[in-house]
Amino acid sequence: MKKLIVKISWSGDNYVAATGEAGGAVFATSKTFEGAKKAFADALQFHLEGDEGDAPQWLVSGGYETEYQLEISAILHNLDGVVTRSAISRVTGINVKQIGHYAMGIRNPRPEQRKKIIEGIHRLGRELSSV
């Protein structure tokens, strides 16, 4: 089964879900993470219904599963209210201001910084679950 890769980021005040693998670009936005996934599914369906033969056959036939890849901006916004950016800064060694820039999409982390953030979030999760 093929995978449809959908990138989710944060832009302005919304999550943005997008792919370029559908025989054209498909975008959707929402204030919530789950809302962005639902809005994307609706936008993809609308795109496929109006398809003029540009979409890959595996997509038109439904022979795919959707894989959401979250950018750091989306991950950090999804954690707002659950984990502070200060806590993420402490476990990653990345300055709080820089974490804020990543969260707002002002800057994108290099791959090694992204890895540090993901590992730091996982470490926080393990520490919280051990209590």
C-alpha atoms as a PDB file:
ATOM      1  CA  MET A   1       0.000   0.000   0.000  1.00  0.00           C
ATOM      2  CA  LYS A   2       1.346   3.444  -0.940  1.00  0.00           C
ATOM      3  CA  LYS A   3       1.739   6.234   1.588  1.00  0.00           C
ATOM      4  CA  LEU A   4       0.481   9.730   0.974  1.00  0.00           C
ATOM      5  CA  ILE A   5       2.882  12.016   2.823  1.00  0.00           C
ATOM      6  CA  VAL A   6       1.164  15.064   4.324  1.00  0.00           C
ATOM      7  CA  LYS A   7       3.279  17.699   6.061  1.00  0.00           C
ATOM      8  CA  ILE A   8       1.687  19.579   8.941  1.00  0.00           C
ATOM      9  CA  SER A   9       3.145  22.892  10.077  1.00  0.00           C
ATOM     10  CA  TRP A  10       2.058  25.970  12.006  1.00  0.00           C
ATOM     11  CA  SER A  11       1.499  29.238  10.180  1.00  0.00           C
ATOM     12  CA  GLY A  12       0.087  32.372  11.724  1.00  0.00           C
ATOM     13  CA  ASP A  13      -2.793  31.106  13.837  1.00  0.00           C
ATOM     14  CA  ASN A  14      -3.468  27.777  12.126  1.00  0.00           C
ATOM     15  CA  TYR A  15      -2.162  24.328  11.481  1.00  0.00           C
ATOM     16  CA  VAL A  16      -1.500  23.795   7.778  1.00  0.00           C
ATOM     17  CA  ALA A  17      -1.696  20.329   6.205  1.00  0.00           C
ATOM     18  CA  ALA A  18      -0.299  20.034   2.677  1.00  0.00           C
ATOM     19  CA  THR A  19       0.887  17.596   0.053  1.00  0.00           C
ATOM     20  CA  GLY A  20       2.139  17.912  -3.479  1.00  0.00           C
ATOM     21  CA  GLU A  21       1.720  14.202  -4.252  1.00  0.00           C
ATOM     22  CA  ALA A  22      -1.892  14.396  -5.431  1.00  0.00           C
ATOM     23  CA  GLY A  23      -1.378  15.487  -9.026  1.00  0.00           C
ATOM     24  CA  GLY A  24      -1.442  19.061  -7.749  1.00  0.00           C
ATOM     25  CA  ALA A  25      -1.108  20.733  -4.391  1.00  0.00           C
ATOM     26  CA  VAL A  26      -3.733  20.081  -1.719  1.00  0.00           C
ATOM     27  CA  PHE A  27      -3.830  22.349   1.350  1.00  0.00           C
ATOM     28  CA  ALA A  28      -6.059  22.693   4.384  1.00  0.00           C
ATOM     29  CA  THR A  29      -5.929  24.785   7.543  1.00  0.00           C
ATOM     30  CA  SER A  30      -7.528  24.634  10.960  1.00  0.00           C
ATOM     31  CA  LYS A  31      -7.104  26.064  14.443  1.00  0.00           C
ATOM     32  CA  THR A  32      -6.654  22.531  15.837  1.00  0.00           C
ATOM     33  CA  PHE A  33      -4.360  19.667  14.914  1.00  0.00           C
ATOM     34  CA  GLU A  34      -7.218  17.171  14.547  1.00  0.00           C
ATOM     35  CA  GLY A  35      -9.198  19.775  12.619  1.00  0.00           C
ATOM     36  CA  ALA A  36      -6.322  20.156  10.141  1.00  0.00           C
ATOM     37  CA  LYS A  37      -6.256  16.414   9.525  1.00  0.00           C
ATOM     38  CA  LYS A  38     -10.040  16.354   8.944  1.00  0.00           C
ATOM     39  CA  ALA A  39      -9.950  19.454   6.738  1.00  0.00           C
ATOM     40  CA  PHE A  40      -7.135  17.895   4.706  1.00  0.00           C
ATOM     41  CA  ALA A  41      -9.106  14.668   4.189  1.00  0.00           C
ATOM     42  CA  ASP A  42     -12.073  16.748   2.982  1.00  0.00           C
ATOM     43  CA  ALA A  43      -9.860  18.858   0.683  1.00  0.00           C
ATOM     44  CA  LEU A  44      -8.232  15.739  -0.765  1.00  0.00           C
ATOM     45  CA  GLN A  45     -11.640  14.191  -1.452  1.00  0.00           C
ATOM     46  CA  PHE A  46     -12.778  17.390  -3.162  1.00  0.00           C
ATOM     47  CA  HIS A  47      -9.550  17.439  -5.205  1.00  0.00           C
ATOM     48  CA  LEU A  48      -9.980  13.834  -6.310  1.00  0.00           C
ATOM     49  CA  GLU A  49     -13.647  14.321  -7.232  1.00  0.00           C
ATOM     50  CA  GLY A  50     -12.650  17.150  -9.558  1.00  0.00           C
ATOM     51  CA  ASP A  51      -9.546  15.361 -10.849  1.00  0.00           C
ATOM     52  CA  GLU A  52      -8.887  15.675 -14.556  1.00  0.00           C
ATOM     53  CA  GLY A  53      -6.544  12.691 -14.740  1.00  0.00           C
ATOM     54  CA  ASP A  54      -3.582  14.348 -13.041  1.00  0.00           C
ATOM     55  CA  ALA A  55      -3.758  12.431  -9.753  1.00  0.00           C
ATOM     56  CA  PRO A  56      -1.841   9.140  -9.512  1.00  0.00           C
ATOM     57  CA  GLN A  57      -4.003   6.048  -9.996  1.00  0.00           C
ATOM     58  CA  TRP A  58      -3.052   4.629  -6.578  1.00  0.00           C
ATOM     59  CA  LEU A  59      -4.527   7.752  -5.008  1.00  0.00           C
ATOM     60  CA  VAL A  60      -7.696   7.782  -7.115  1.00  0.00           C
ATOM     61  CA  SER A  61      -8.341   4.099  -6.392  1.00  0.00           C
ATOM     62  CA  GLY A  62      -7.946   4.618  -2.641  1.00  0.00           C
ATOM     63  CA  GLY A  63      -4.941   2.300  -2.398  1.00  0.00           C
ATOM     64  CA  TYR A  64      -3.075   4.474   0.086  1.00  0.00           C
ATOM     65  CA  GLU A  65      -2.706   5.367   3.708  1.00  0.00           C
ATOM     66  CA  THR A  66      -2.061   8.878   4.929  1.00  0.00           C
ATOM     67  CA  GLU A  67       1.157   9.528   6.838  1.00  0.00           C
ATOM     68  CA  TYR A  68       1.287  12.843   8.666  1.00  0.00           C
ATOM     69  CA  GLN A  69       4.746  14.312   9.162  1.00  0.00           C
ATOM     70  CA  LEU A  70       4.755  17.122  11.686  1.00  0.00           C
ATOM     71  CA  GLU A  71       7.163  19.982  11.422  1.00  0.00           C
ATOM     72  CA  ILE A  72       8.627  21.247  14.686  1.00  0.00           C
ATOM     73  CA  SER A  73       6.327  24.289  14.620  1.00  0.00           C
ATOM     74  CA  ALA A  74       3.272  22.004  14.669  1.00  0.00           C
ATOM     75  CA  ILE A  75       4.720  19.726  17.351  1.00  0.00           C
ATOM     76  CA  LEU A  76       5.495  22.639  19.662  1.00  0.00           C
ATOM     77  CA  HIS A  77       2.046  24.202  19.196  1.00  0.00           C
ATOM     78  CA  ASN A  78       0.389  20.840  19.753  1.00  0.00           C
ATOM     79  CA  LEU A  79       2.180  20.638  23.116  1.00  0.00           C
ATOM     80  CA  ASP A  80       1.197  24.158  24.238  1.00  0.00           C
ATOM     81  CA  GLY A  81      -0.644  23.915  27.536  1.00  0.00           C
ATOM     82  CA  VAL A  82       0.875  20.487  28.195  1.00  0.00           C
ATOM     83  CA  VAL A  83       4.621  21.155  28.322  1.00  0.00           C
ATOM     84  CA  THR A  84       6.250  24.560  28.623  1.00  0.00           C
ATOM     85  CA  ARG A  85       8.854  25.741  26.181  1.00  0.00           C
ATOM     86  CA  SER A  86      11.122  26.314  29.187  1.00  0.00           C
ATOM     87  CA  ALA A  87      10.916  22.601  29.994  1.00  0.00           C
ATOM     88  CA  ILE A  88      11.719  21.732  26.383  1.00  0.00           C
ATOM     89  CA  SER A  89      14.635  24.170  26.528  1.00  0.00           C
ATOM     90  CA  ARG A  90      15.993  22.533  29.699  1.00  0.00           C
ATOM     91  CA  VAL A  91      15.964  18.998  28.273  1.00  0.00           C
ATOM     92  CA  THR A  92      17.334  20.002  24.863  1.00  0.00           C
ATOM     93  CA  GLY A  93      19.830  22.716  25.792  1.00  0.00           C
ATOM     94  CA  ILE A  94      18.259  24.935  23.125  1.00  0.00           C
ATOM     95  CA  ASN A  95      17.558  28.532  24.139  1.00  0.00           C
ATOM     96  CA  VAL A  96      13.888  29.280  24.981  1.00  0.00           C
ATOM     97  CA  LYS A  97      13.866  32.167  22.505  1.00  0.00           C
ATOM     98  CA  GLN A  98      15.077  29.831  19.750  1.00  0.00           C
ATOM     99  CA  ILE A  99      12.370  27.289  20.690  1.00  0.00           C
ATOM    100  CA  GLY A 100       9.861  30.139  20.331  1.00  0.00           C
ATOM    101  CA  HIS A 101      11.212  30.961  16.864  1.00  0.00           C
ATOM    102  CA  TYR A 102      10.802  27.321  15.850  1.00  0.00           C
ATOM    103  CA  ALA A 103       7.257  27.267  17.265  1.00  0.00           C
ATOM    104  CA  MET A 104       6.232  30.385  15.341  1.00  0.00           C
ATOM    105  CA  GLY A 105       7.805  29.120  12.129  1.00  0.00           C
ATOM    106  CA  ILE A 106      10.183  32.095  12.041  1.00  0.00           C
ATOM    107  CA  ARG A 107      13.055  29.649  11.830  1.00  0.00           C
ATOM    108  CA  ASN A 108      13.266  25.965  10.927  1.00  0.00           C
ATOM    109  CA  PRO A 109      15.628  23.811  12.943  1.00  0.00           C
ATOM    110  CA  ARG A 110      18.508  21.995  11.314  1.00  0.00           C
ATOM    111  CA  PRO A 111      18.055  18.202  11.306  1.00  0.00           C
ATOM    112  CA  GLU A 112      20.262  17.739  14.389  1.00  0.00           C
ATOM    113  CA  GLN A 113      18.293  20.415  16.294  1.00  0.00           C
ATOM    114  CA  ARG A 114      15.017  18.756  15.244  1.00  0.00           C
ATOM    115  CA  LYS A 115      16.346  15.447  16.559  1.00  0.00           C
ATOM    116  CA  LYS A 116      17.315  17.085  19.890  1.00  0.00           C
ATOM    117  CA  ILE A 117      13.812  18.510  20.280  1.00  0.00           C
ATOM    118  CA  ILE A 118      12.081  15.216  19.490  1.00  0.00           C
ATOM    119  CA  GLU A 119      14.392  13.282  21.838  1.00  0.00           C
ATOM    120  CA  GLY A 120      13.873  15.930  24.542  1.00  0.00           C
ATOM    121  CA  ILE A 121      10.089  15.642  24.267  1.00  0.00           C
ATOM    122  CA  HIS A 122      10.347  11.844  24.495  1.00  0.00           C
ATOM    123  CA  ARG A 123      12.595  12.202  27.557  1.00  0.00           C
ATOM    124  CA  LEU A 124      10.052  14.495  29.217  1.00  0.00           C
ATOM    125  CA  GLY A 125       7.345  11.941  28.456  1.00  0.00           C
ATOM    126  CA  ARG A 126       9.351   9.119  30.040  1.00  0.00           C
ATOM    127  CA  GLU A 127      10.077  11.222  33.116  1.00  0.00           C
ATOM    128  CA  LEU A 128       6.407  12.166  33.513  1.00  0.00           C
ATOM    129  CA  SER A 129       5.221   8.592  33.083  1.00  0.00           C
ATOM    130  CA  SER A 130       7.648   7.331  35.728  1.00  0.00           C
ATOM    131  CA  VAL A 131       5.959   9.393  38.455  1.00  0.00           C
END
